[in-house]
Amino acid sequence: MHDEAQLERLHREHAGAVRSFVRRRIGDDEADEVVAEVFVVAWRRLDAVPAAPRTWLLGVARKLLANRFRASRRQRALYERLAHEAERGPAHVGDAASGMEAGVLLRGLAALRPGDREVLLLVTWDGLSHAEAAEVLGVRAATLTMRVHRARARLERAIESDTPLPPAPATAPLTRPSSYGA
């Protein structure tokens, strides 16, 4: 109970300063999430919080922001690598792209949730078996197989919604009627 009261006091007295610090670096969209992460760290390490906690909390926020920026850079690098692979042509992108414009595939992948994208990339680009990918993700092979199945279905829907309608068949007449209603 004492720990809970200490955390509430800590939050009440310092959340505003932490939020201002974070907002100046990433803006409003993600600020609340980072502030919450800061106080989760504080809760887990309540015994390490100094008597004057403001600078300690700001240091925690700074480290969490650095982790986010690194993750963002890694994600951008992944997308750049995928775009580079797409420029090399469908034969180099992988079997999933054969006969398909690589850009359409990449837009479809970008439209997926991160978890769906991850299972597809592990199995397709990284060439892992379902059992190996399951081990990487820490899930059972049957769970991974279901995730891959669902992710492929979502990718197919994303691609279908991105792909323009095919042109009319060449055999279809393109004549305009001379009069309507006659």
C-alpha atoms as a PDB file:
ATOM      1  CA  MET A   1       0.000   0.000   0.000  1.00  0.00           C
ATOM      2  CA  HIS A   2       2.864   2.357   0.847  1.00  0.00           C
ATOM      3  CA  ASP A   3       4.408   1.761  -2.597  1.00  0.00           C
ATOM      4  CA  GLU A   4       1.123   2.606  -4.308  1.00  0.00           C
ATOM      5  CA  ALA A   5       0.840   5.916  -2.430  1.00  0.00           C
ATOM      6  CA  GLN A   6       4.468   6.725  -3.224  1.00  0.00           C
ATOM      7  CA  LEU A   7       3.897   6.066  -6.935  1.00  0.00           C
ATOM      8  CA  GLU A   8       0.723   8.170  -6.971  1.00  0.00           C
ATOM      9  CA  ARG A   9       2.574  11.057  -5.320  1.00  0.00           C
ATOM     10  CA  LEU A  10       5.451  10.669  -7.770  1.00  0.00           C
ATOM     11  CA  HIS A  11       3.062  10.774 -10.704  1.00  0.00           C
ATOM     12  CA  ARG A  12       1.054  13.691  -9.357  1.00  0.00           C
ATOM     13  CA  GLU A  13       4.156  15.795  -8.712  1.00  0.00           C
ATOM     14  CA  HIS A  14       6.234  14.966 -11.805  1.00  0.00           C
ATOM     15  CA  ALA A  15       4.035  13.701 -14.658  1.00  0.00           C
ATOM     16  CA  GLY A  16       3.590  17.232 -16.014  1.00  0.00           C
ATOM     17  CA  ALA A  17       7.344  17.840 -16.205  1.00  0.00           C
ATOM     18  CA  VAL A  18       7.954  14.449 -17.778  1.00  0.00           C
ATOM     19  CA  ARG A  19       5.178  14.999 -20.332  1.00  0.00           C
ATOM     20  CA  SER A  20       6.555  18.439 -21.272  1.00  0.00           C
ATOM     21  CA  PHE A  21      10.029  16.948 -21.688  1.00  0.00           C
ATOM     22  CA  VAL A  22       8.699  14.166 -23.912  1.00  0.00           C
ATOM     23  CA  ARG A  23       6.364  16.407 -25.968  1.00  0.00           C
ATOM     24  CA  ARG A  24       9.256  18.681 -26.948  1.00  0.00           C
ATOM     25  CA  ARG A  25      10.966  15.664 -28.455  1.00  0.00           C
ATOM     26  CA  ILE A  26       8.193  13.631 -30.094  1.00  0.00           C
ATOM     27  CA  GLY A  27       4.986  15.644 -30.003  1.00  0.00           C
ATOM     28  CA  ASP A  28       1.575  14.901 -28.562  1.00  0.00           C
ATOM     29  CA  ASP A  29       0.733  11.733 -30.495  1.00  0.00           C
ATOM     30  CA  GLU A  30       3.045   9.406 -28.584  1.00  0.00           C
ATOM     31  CA  ALA A  31       3.803  11.502 -25.496  1.00  0.00           C
ATOM     32  CA  ASP A  32       1.208   9.899 -23.224  1.00  0.00           C
ATOM     33  CA  GLU A  33       2.470   6.434 -24.083  1.00  0.00           C
ATOM     34  CA  VAL A  34       6.065   7.357 -23.240  1.00  0.00           C
ATOM     35  CA  VAL A  35       5.017   9.061 -19.996  1.00  0.00           C
ATOM     36  CA  ALA A  36       3.147   5.917 -19.013  1.00  0.00           C
ATOM     37  CA  GLU A  37       6.252   3.842 -19.784  1.00  0.00           C
ATOM     38  CA  VAL A  38       8.342   6.159 -17.595  1.00  0.00           C
ATOM     39  CA  PHE A  39       6.062   5.576 -14.628  1.00  0.00           C
ATOM     40  CA  VAL A  40       5.983   1.826 -15.253  1.00  0.00           C
ATOM     41  CA  VAL A  41       9.773   1.884 -14.965  1.00  0.00           C
ATOM     42  CA  ALA A  42       9.464   4.001 -11.815  1.00  0.00           C
ATOM     43  CA  TRP A  43       6.975   1.527 -10.343  1.00  0.00           C
ATOM     44  CA  ARG A  44       9.243  -1.429 -11.126  1.00  0.00           C
ATOM     45  CA  ARG A  45      12.267   0.347  -9.676  1.00  0.00           C
ATOM     46  CA  LEU A  46      10.556   2.255  -6.882  1.00  0.00           C
ATOM     47  CA  ASP A  47      13.380   1.421  -4.494  1.00  0.00           C
ATOM     48  CA  ALA A  48      15.880   3.084  -6.904  1.00  0.00           C
ATOM     49  CA  VAL A  49      13.946   6.359  -7.226  1.00  0.00           C
ATOM     50  CA  PRO A  50      16.009   9.069  -5.498  1.00  0.00           C
ATOM     51  CA  ALA A  51      14.630  11.565  -2.982  1.00  0.00           C
ATOM     52  CA  ALA A  52      14.690  14.259  -5.725  1.00  0.00           C
ATOM     53  CA  PRO A  53      13.153  12.153  -8.524  1.00  0.00           C
ATOM     54  CA  ARG A  54      12.563  14.719 -11.291  1.00  0.00           C
ATOM     55  CA  THR A  55      15.946  14.384 -13.008  1.00  0.00           C
ATOM     56  CA  TRP A  56      15.869  10.598 -12.596  1.00  0.00           C
ATOM     57  CA  LEU A  57      12.440  10.441 -14.277  1.00  0.00           C
ATOM     58  CA  LEU A  58      13.645  12.699 -17.109  1.00  0.00           C
ATOM     59  CA  GLY A  59      16.656  10.401 -17.555  1.00  0.00           C
ATOM     60  CA  VAL A  60      14.332   7.401 -17.818  1.00  0.00           C
ATOM     61  CA  ALA A  61      12.230   9.293 -20.380  1.00  0.00           C
ATOM     62  CA  ARG A  62      15.358  10.147 -22.365  1.00  0.00           C
ATOM     63  CA  LYS A  63      16.406   6.486 -22.496  1.00  0.00           C
ATOM     64  CA  LEU A  64      12.928   5.356 -23.531  1.00  0.00           C
ATOM     65  CA  LEU A  65      12.883   7.972 -26.300  1.00  0.00           C
ATOM     66  CA  ALA A  66      16.307   6.811 -27.491  1.00  0.00           C
ATOM     67  CA  ASN A  67      14.985   3.238 -27.668  1.00  0.00           C
ATOM     68  CA  ARG A  68      11.998   4.435 -29.716  1.00  0.00           C
ATOM     69  CA  PHE A  69      14.211   6.378 -32.113  1.00  0.00           C
ATOM     70  CA  ARG A  70      16.462   3.351 -32.619  1.00  0.00           C
ATOM     71  CA  ALA A  71      13.444   1.130 -33.273  1.00  0.00           C
ATOM     72  CA  SER A  72      12.111   3.698 -35.734  1.00  0.00           C
ATOM     73  CA  ARG A  73      15.452   3.792 -37.569  1.00  0.00           C
ATOM     74  CA  ARG A  74      15.503  -0.007 -37.762  1.00  0.00           C
ATOM     75  CA  GLN A  75      11.972  -0.036 -39.166  1.00  0.00           C
ATOM     76  CA  ARG A  76      12.858   2.626 -41.765  1.00  0.00           C
ATOM     77  CA  ALA A  77      15.957   0.633 -42.711  1.00  0.00           C
ATOM     78  CA  LEU A  78      13.807  -2.455 -43.181  1.00  0.00           C
ATOM     79  CA  TYR A  79      11.398  -0.592 -45.468  1.00  0.00           C
ATOM     80  CA  GLU A  80      14.316   0.861 -47.426  1.00  0.00           C
ATOM     81  CA  ARG A  81      15.788  -2.615 -47.806  1.00  0.00           C
ATOM     82  CA  LEU A  82      12.427  -3.926 -48.997  1.00  0.00           C
ATOM     83  CA  ALA A  83      12.129  -1.046 -51.458  1.00  0.00           C
ATOM     84  CA  HIS A  84      15.635  -1.788 -52.731  1.00  0.00           C
ATOM     85  CA  GLU A  85      14.684  -5.435 -53.190  1.00  0.00           C
ATOM     86  CA  ALA A  86      11.567  -4.339 -55.055  1.00  0.00           C
ATOM     87  CA  GLU A  87      13.645  -2.208 -57.441  1.00  0.00           C
ATOM     88  CA  ARG A  88      15.660  -5.298 -58.343  1.00  0.00           C
ATOM     89  CA  GLY A  89      12.509  -6.873 -59.687  1.00  0.00           C
ATOM     90  CA  PRO A  90       9.990  -9.487 -58.646  1.00  0.00           C
ATOM     91  CA  ALA A  91      12.397 -12.376 -59.153  1.00  0.00           C
ATOM     92  CA  HIS A  92      14.606 -11.003 -56.385  1.00  0.00           C
ATOM     93  CA  VAL A  93      11.828 -10.030 -53.981  1.00  0.00           C
ATOM     94  CA  GLY A  94      10.818 -13.608 -53.368  1.00  0.00           C
ATOM     95  CA  ASP A  95       8.335 -16.228 -54.440  1.00  0.00           C
ATOM     96  CA  ALA A  96       5.456 -14.250 -52.954  1.00  0.00           C
ATOM     97  CA  ALA A  97       6.034 -11.502 -55.515  1.00  0.00           C
ATOM     98  CA  SER A  98       6.389 -13.629 -58.625  1.00  0.00           C
ATOM     99  CA  GLY A  99       4.145 -12.251 -61.322  1.00  0.00           C
ATOM    100  CA  MET A 100       3.159  -9.283 -59.168  1.00  0.00           C
ATOM    101  CA  GLU A 101       4.400  -5.718 -59.220  1.00  0.00           C
ATOM    102  CA  ALA A 102       6.777  -5.466 -56.276  1.00  0.00           C
ATOM    103  CA  GLY A 103       5.463  -2.033 -55.333  1.00  0.00           C
ATOM    104  CA  VAL A 104       1.975  -3.476 -54.875  1.00  0.00           C
ATOM    105  CA  LEU A 105       3.391  -6.166 -52.602  1.00  0.00           C
ATOM    106  CA  LEU A 106       5.341  -3.652 -50.545  1.00  0.00           C
ATOM    107  CA  ARG A 107       2.308  -1.372 -50.168  1.00  0.00           C
ATOM    108  CA  GLY A 108       0.310  -4.402 -49.066  1.00  0.00           C
ATOM    109  CA  LEU A 109       2.984  -5.301 -46.511  1.00  0.00           C
ATOM    110  CA  ALA A 110       3.072  -1.725 -45.244  1.00  0.00           C
ATOM    111  CA  ALA A 111      -0.709  -1.825 -44.748  1.00  0.00           C
ATOM    112  CA  LEU A 112      -0.469  -4.862 -42.465  1.00  0.00           C
ATOM    113  CA  ARG A 113      -0.239  -4.785 -38.706  1.00  0.00           C
ATOM    114  CA  PRO A 114       3.349  -5.168 -37.469  1.00  0.00           C
ATOM    115  CA  GLY A 115       2.691  -8.699 -36.158  1.00  0.00           C
ATOM    116  CA  ASP A 116       1.324  -9.882 -39.503  1.00  0.00           C
ATOM    117  CA  ARG A 117       4.213  -8.279 -41.371  1.00  0.00           C
ATOM    118  CA  GLU A 118       6.707  -9.896 -38.996  1.00  0.00           C
ATOM    119  CA  VAL A 119       5.472 -13.468 -39.480  1.00  0.00           C
ATOM    120  CA  LEU A 120       5.374 -13.076 -43.256  1.00  0.00           C
ATOM    121  CA  LEU A 121       8.882 -11.624 -43.391  1.00  0.00           C
ATOM    122  CA  LEU A 122      10.278 -14.341 -41.121  1.00  0.00           C
ATOM    123  CA  VAL A 123       8.844 -17.084 -43.301  1.00  0.00           C
ATOM    124  CA  THR A 124       9.249 -15.477 -46.722  1.00  0.00           C
ATOM    125  CA  TRP A 125      12.226 -13.126 -46.684  1.00  0.00           C
ATOM    126  CA  ASP A 126      14.234 -14.739 -43.904  1.00  0.00           C
ATOM    127  CA  GLY A 127      13.412 -18.215 -45.206  1.00  0.00           C
ATOM    128  CA  LEU A 128      12.584 -19.712 -41.817  1.00  0.00           C
ATOM    129  CA  SER A 129      10.384 -22.756 -41.469  1.00  0.00           C
ATOM    130  CA  HIS A 130       7.222 -22.377 -39.438  1.00  0.00           C
ATOM    131  CA  ALA A 131       8.913 -24.206 -36.555  1.00  0.00           C
ATOM    132  CA  GLU A 132      11.945 -21.891 -36.709  1.00  0.00           C
ATOM    133  CA  ALA A 133       9.810 -18.743 -36.932  1.00  0.00           C
ATOM    134  CA  ALA A 134       7.728 -20.006 -34.014  1.00  0.00           C
ATOM    135  CA  GLU A 135      10.903 -20.399 -31.978  1.00  0.00           C
ATOM    136  CA  VAL A 136      11.991 -16.841 -32.840  1.00  0.00           C
ATOM    137  CA  LEU A 137       8.619 -15.482 -31.707  1.00  0.00           C
ATOM    138  CA  GLY A 138       8.351 -17.746 -28.678  1.00  0.00           C
ATOM    139  CA  VAL A 139       5.098 -19.398 -29.753  1.00  0.00           C
ATOM    140  CA  ARG A 140       4.048 -22.916 -30.709  1.00  0.00           C
ATOM    141  CA  ALA A 141       4.459 -23.989 -34.338  1.00  0.00           C
ATOM    142  CA  ALA A 142       0.687 -24.465 -34.692  1.00  0.00           C
ATOM    143  CA  THR A 143       0.128 -20.906 -33.490  1.00  0.00           C
ATOM    144  CA  LEU A 144       2.660 -19.601 -35.985  1.00  0.00           C
ATOM    145  CA  THR A 145       1.059 -21.551 -38.820  1.00  0.00           C
ATOM    146  CA  MET A 146      -2.312 -19.985 -38.022  1.00  0.00           C
ATOM    147  CA  ARG A 147      -0.746 -16.505 -37.835  1.00  0.00           C
ATOM    148  CA  VAL A 148       0.925 -16.988 -41.220  1.00  0.00           C
ATOM    149  CA  HIS A 149      -2.352 -18.186 -42.741  1.00  0.00           C
ATOM    150  CA  ARG A 150      -4.239 -15.169 -41.391  1.00  0.00           C
ATOM    151  CA  ALA A 151      -1.465 -12.732 -42.331  1.00  0.00           C
ATOM    152  CA  ARG A 152      -1.423 -14.050 -45.912  1.00  0.00           C
ATOM    153  CA  ALA A 153      -5.194 -13.591 -46.141  1.00  0.00           C
ATOM    154  CA  ARG A 154      -4.884 -10.015 -44.832  1.00  0.00           C
ATOM    155  CA  LEU A 155      -2.044  -9.335 -47.267  1.00  0.00           C
ATOM    156  CA  GLU A 156      -4.145 -10.639 -50.124  1.00  0.00           C
ATOM    157  CA  ARG A 157      -7.021  -8.329 -49.113  1.00  0.00           C
ATOM    158  CA  ALA A 158      -4.632  -5.382 -48.815  1.00  0.00           C
ATOM    159  CA  ILE A 159      -3.201  -6.091 -52.253  1.00  0.00           C
ATOM    160  CA  GLU A 160      -6.651  -6.498 -53.789  1.00  0.00           C
ATOM    161  CA  SER A 161      -7.759  -3.149 -52.383  1.00  0.00           C
ATOM    162  CA  ASP A 162      -4.571  -1.510 -53.732  1.00  0.00           C
ATOM    163  CA  THR A 163      -4.618  -3.075 -57.181  1.00  0.00           C
ATOM    164  CA  PRO A 164      -6.498  -1.087 -59.833  1.00  0.00           C
ATOM    165  CA  LEU A 165      -9.191  -2.864 -61.802  1.00  0.00           C
ATOM    166  CA  PRO A 166      -7.831  -4.765 -64.796  1.00  0.00           C
ATOM    167  CA  PRO A 167      -8.515  -3.253 -68.215  1.00  0.00           C
ATOM    168  CA  ALA A 168     -11.437  -4.548 -70.242  1.00  0.00           C
ATOM    169  CA  PRO A 169     -10.618  -7.637 -72.319  1.00  0.00           C
ATOM    170  CA  ALA A 170      -9.315  -6.912 -75.823  1.00  0.00           C
ATOM    171  CA  THR A 171     -12.250  -8.802 -77.340  1.00  0.00           C
ATOM    172  CA  ALA A 172     -14.864  -6.558 -75.730  1.00  0.00           C
ATOM    173  CA  PRO A 173     -16.476  -4.171 -78.214  1.00  0.00           C
ATOM    174  CA  LEU A 174     -15.607  -0.551 -77.563  1.00  0.00           C
ATOM    175  CA  THR A 175     -18.389   0.943 -79.721  1.00  0.00           C
ATOM    176  CA  ARG A 176     -20.772   3.602 -78.579  1.00  0.00           C
ATOM    177  CA  PRO A 177     -24.457   3.071 -79.341  1.00  0.00           C
ATOM    178  CA  SER A 178     -25.787   5.530 -81.894  1.00  0.00           C
ATOM    179  CA  SER A 179     -29.003   6.186 -80.040  1.00  0.00           C
ATOM    180  CA  TYR A 180     -30.343   5.407 -76.606  1.00  0.00           C
ATOM    181  CA  GLY A 181     -33.705   3.781 -76.150  1.00  0.00           C
ATOM    182  CA  ALA A 182     -34.064   2.788 -79.783  1.00  0.00           C
END
